N, C-alpha and C. Protein backbone atom coordinates (compact mmCIF):
# COMPACT_ATOMS: atom_id res chain seq x y z
N MET A 1 0.45 -0.79 0.43
CA MET A 1 -0.28 0.32 0.38
C MET A 1 1.18 1.39 0.63
N ILE A 2 1.93 1.35 0.21
CA ILE A 2 2.58 2.58 0.21
C ILE A 2 3.62 2.97 -0.19
N GLU A 3 3.91 1.21 -0.88
CA GLU A 3 4.62 1.47 -2.68
C GLU A 3 3.86 2.72 -3.56
N MET A 4 3.09 1.92 -3.16
CA MET A 4 1.57 2.80 -3.78
C MET A 4 1.17 3.60 -4.07
N ARG A 5 1.28 3.74 -3.56
CA ARG A 5 1.47 5.56 -2.89
C ARG A 5 2.56 6.69 -3.13
N GLU A 6 3.49 5.51 -2.72
CA GLU A 6 4.87 6.51 -3.35
C GLU A 6 4.94 6.30 -4.49
N SER A 7 4.77 5.51 -5.09
CA SER A 7 4.90 5.71 -6.54
C SER A 7 3.42 6.67 -7.54
N GLU A 8 2.48 6.43 -6.82
CA GLU A 8 1.51 8.21 -6.91
C GLU A 8 1.76 9.64 -7.26
N LEU A 9 2.52 9.41 -6.28
CA LEU A 9 3.42 10.98 -5.58
C LEU A 9 3.89 11.04 -6.21
N LYS A 10 4.92 10.13 -6.87
CA LYS A 10 6.29 10.46 -8.00
C LYS A 10 5.72 11.33 -9.24
N GLN A 11 4.45 9.50 -9.74
CA GLN A 11 3.79 10.67 -10.97
C GLN A 11 3.11 11.95 -10.62
N GLU A 12 2.32 11.51 -10.02
CA GLU A 12 1.88 13.81 -9.47
C GLU A 12 2.38 13.80 -10.00
N SER A 13 3.74 14.54 -9.13
CA SER A 13 5.13 15.79 -8.57
C SER A 13 5.30 15.70 -10.17
N GLY A 14 5.38 14.91 -10.76
CA GLY A 14 6.32 14.93 -12.09
C GLY A 14 4.79 15.99 -12.23
N ARG A 15 3.40 15.89 -12.94
CA ARG A 15 2.64 16.60 -13.45
C ARG A 15 2.65 18.27 -12.36
N ILE A 16 2.57 18.40 -11.49
CA ILE A 16 2.17 19.73 -11.13
C ILE A 16 3.26 19.82 -10.88
N PRO A 17 3.39 21.38 -11.52
CA PRO A 17 5.01 22.94 -11.37
C PRO A 17 5.37 22.96 -9.78
N LEU A 18 6.67 23.03 -9.67
CA LEU A 18 7.12 23.13 -8.74
C LEU A 18 6.27 24.27 -7.86
N ALA A 19 6.51 25.54 -7.86
CA ALA A 19 6.33 26.51 -7.58
C ALA A 19 4.91 26.35 -7.19
N GLU A 20 3.57 25.84 -7.32
CA GLU A 20 2.39 25.03 -7.77
C GLU A 20 2.16 24.55 -5.81
N ARG A 21 3.04 23.35 -6.34
CA ARG A 21 3.47 22.06 -5.57
C ARG A 21 3.48 23.27 -3.97
N LEU A 22 4.64 24.16 -4.05
CA LEU A 22 5.40 24.88 -2.40
C LEU A 22 4.61 26.03 -2.80
N ALA A 23 3.28 26.65 -3.18
CA ALA A 23 2.42 27.33 -2.93
C ALA A 23 1.16 26.85 -1.76
N ALA A 24 0.98 25.59 -2.23
CA ALA A 24 0.37 24.22 -1.67
C ALA A 24 1.03 24.03 0.38
N ILE A 25 2.04 24.28 -0.20
CA ILE A 25 2.79 23.65 1.32
C ILE A 25 2.46 24.65 2.13
N ALA A 26 3.22 25.92 1.63
CA ALA A 26 2.65 27.05 2.61
C ALA A 26 1.34 27.36 2.82
N HIS A 27 0.58 27.20 1.93
CA HIS A 27 -0.67 27.59 1.92
C HIS A 27 -1.24 26.91 3.43
N ALA A 28 -0.53 25.66 3.86
CA ALA A 28 -1.63 24.33 4.79
C ALA A 28 -1.10 24.74 5.80
N LEU A 29 0.68 25.36 5.40
CA LEU A 29 1.36 25.55 7.19
C LEU A 29 0.39 26.49 7.45
N LYS A 30 0.42 27.35 6.46
CA LYS A 30 -0.35 29.17 7.61
C LYS A 30 -1.50 28.57 8.11
N ALA A 31 -1.83 27.55 7.59
CA ALA A 31 -3.64 27.45 8.41
C ALA A 31 -3.12 26.56 9.31
N LYS A 32 -2.46 25.80 8.73
CA LYS A 32 -2.08 25.79 10.62
C LYS A 32 -1.52 25.99 11.69
N ALA A 33 -1.10 27.07 11.36
CA ALA A 33 -0.79 28.29 12.17
C ALA A 33 -1.78 28.87 13.72
N GLY A 34 -3.05 28.61 12.47
CA GLY A 34 -4.25 29.50 13.18
C GLY A 34 -3.77 30.92 13.09
N LYS A 35 -4.29 31.82 14.42
CA LYS A 35 -4.16 32.43 14.63
C LYS A 35 -3.07 33.01 15.91
N TYR A 36 -2.30 31.94 16.09
CA TYR A 36 -1.36 32.31 16.37
C TYR A 36 -0.01 32.52 16.07
N GLY A 37 -0.11 32.46 14.25
CA GLY A 37 0.89 31.78 13.76
C GLY A 37 1.68 33.74 14.66
N ARG A 38 3.43 33.34 13.57
CA ARG A 38 3.89 35.25 13.39
C ARG A 38 5.15 35.15 12.51
N PRO A 39 4.99 36.37 11.96
CA PRO A 39 6.48 36.41 11.48
C PRO A 39 7.83 35.74 11.77
N VAL A 40 8.44 35.98 12.11
CA VAL A 40 9.73 35.16 11.68
C VAL A 40 11.35 36.28 11.45
N ASN A 41 11.57 36.65 12.59
CA ASN A 41 12.98 37.87 11.79
C ASN A 41 14.01 36.94 11.87
N LYS A 42 14.87 37.35 10.72
CA LYS A 42 16.37 37.07 10.44
C LYS A 42 16.54 36.93 12.03
N ASP A 43 16.71 37.23 12.70
CA ASP A 43 18.13 37.05 14.56
C ASP A 43 17.04 35.54 15.00
N GLU A 44 15.85 35.22 14.81
CA GLU A 44 15.04 34.07 15.24
C GLU A 44 15.80 33.19 14.36
N ILE A 45 15.52 33.41 13.19
CA ILE A 45 16.32 32.38 11.70
C ILE A 45 17.59 32.15 12.36
N ASP A 46 18.26 33.29 11.95
CA ASP A 46 19.87 32.46 12.53
C ASP A 46 19.99 31.80 13.78
N ASP A 47 19.43 31.90 14.38
CA ASP A 47 19.10 30.96 16.26
C ASP A 47 19.21 29.97 15.58
N LEU A 48 17.69 29.88 15.62
CA LEU A 48 17.77 28.15 15.03
C LEU A 48 17.97 27.14 14.26
N TRP A 49 19.11 28.11 13.53
CA TRP A 49 20.63 28.13 12.04
C TRP A 49 21.61 27.89 13.00
N GLY A 50 21.53 28.27 14.23
CA GLY A 50 22.76 28.55 14.61
C GLY A 50 24.23 29.92 13.68
N HIS A 51 23.56 30.16 13.16
CA HIS A 51 24.11 31.01 12.63
C HIS A 51 24.67 32.59 13.97
N PRO A 52 25.75 32.94 13.81
CA PRO A 52 25.98 34.41 15.16
C PRO A 52 25.34 35.14 14.09
């Protein structure tokens, strides 16, 4: 079952342009954040990645 779904996803990924797939992912993450989501500034991002 998992292999079948992975195969379907590979076929689907070839049909949908990357920009559209990324937009869908961004939309889903934004919806998941709900009303408590907030912008993250550069300093916070650097801290997460361990940059000085």
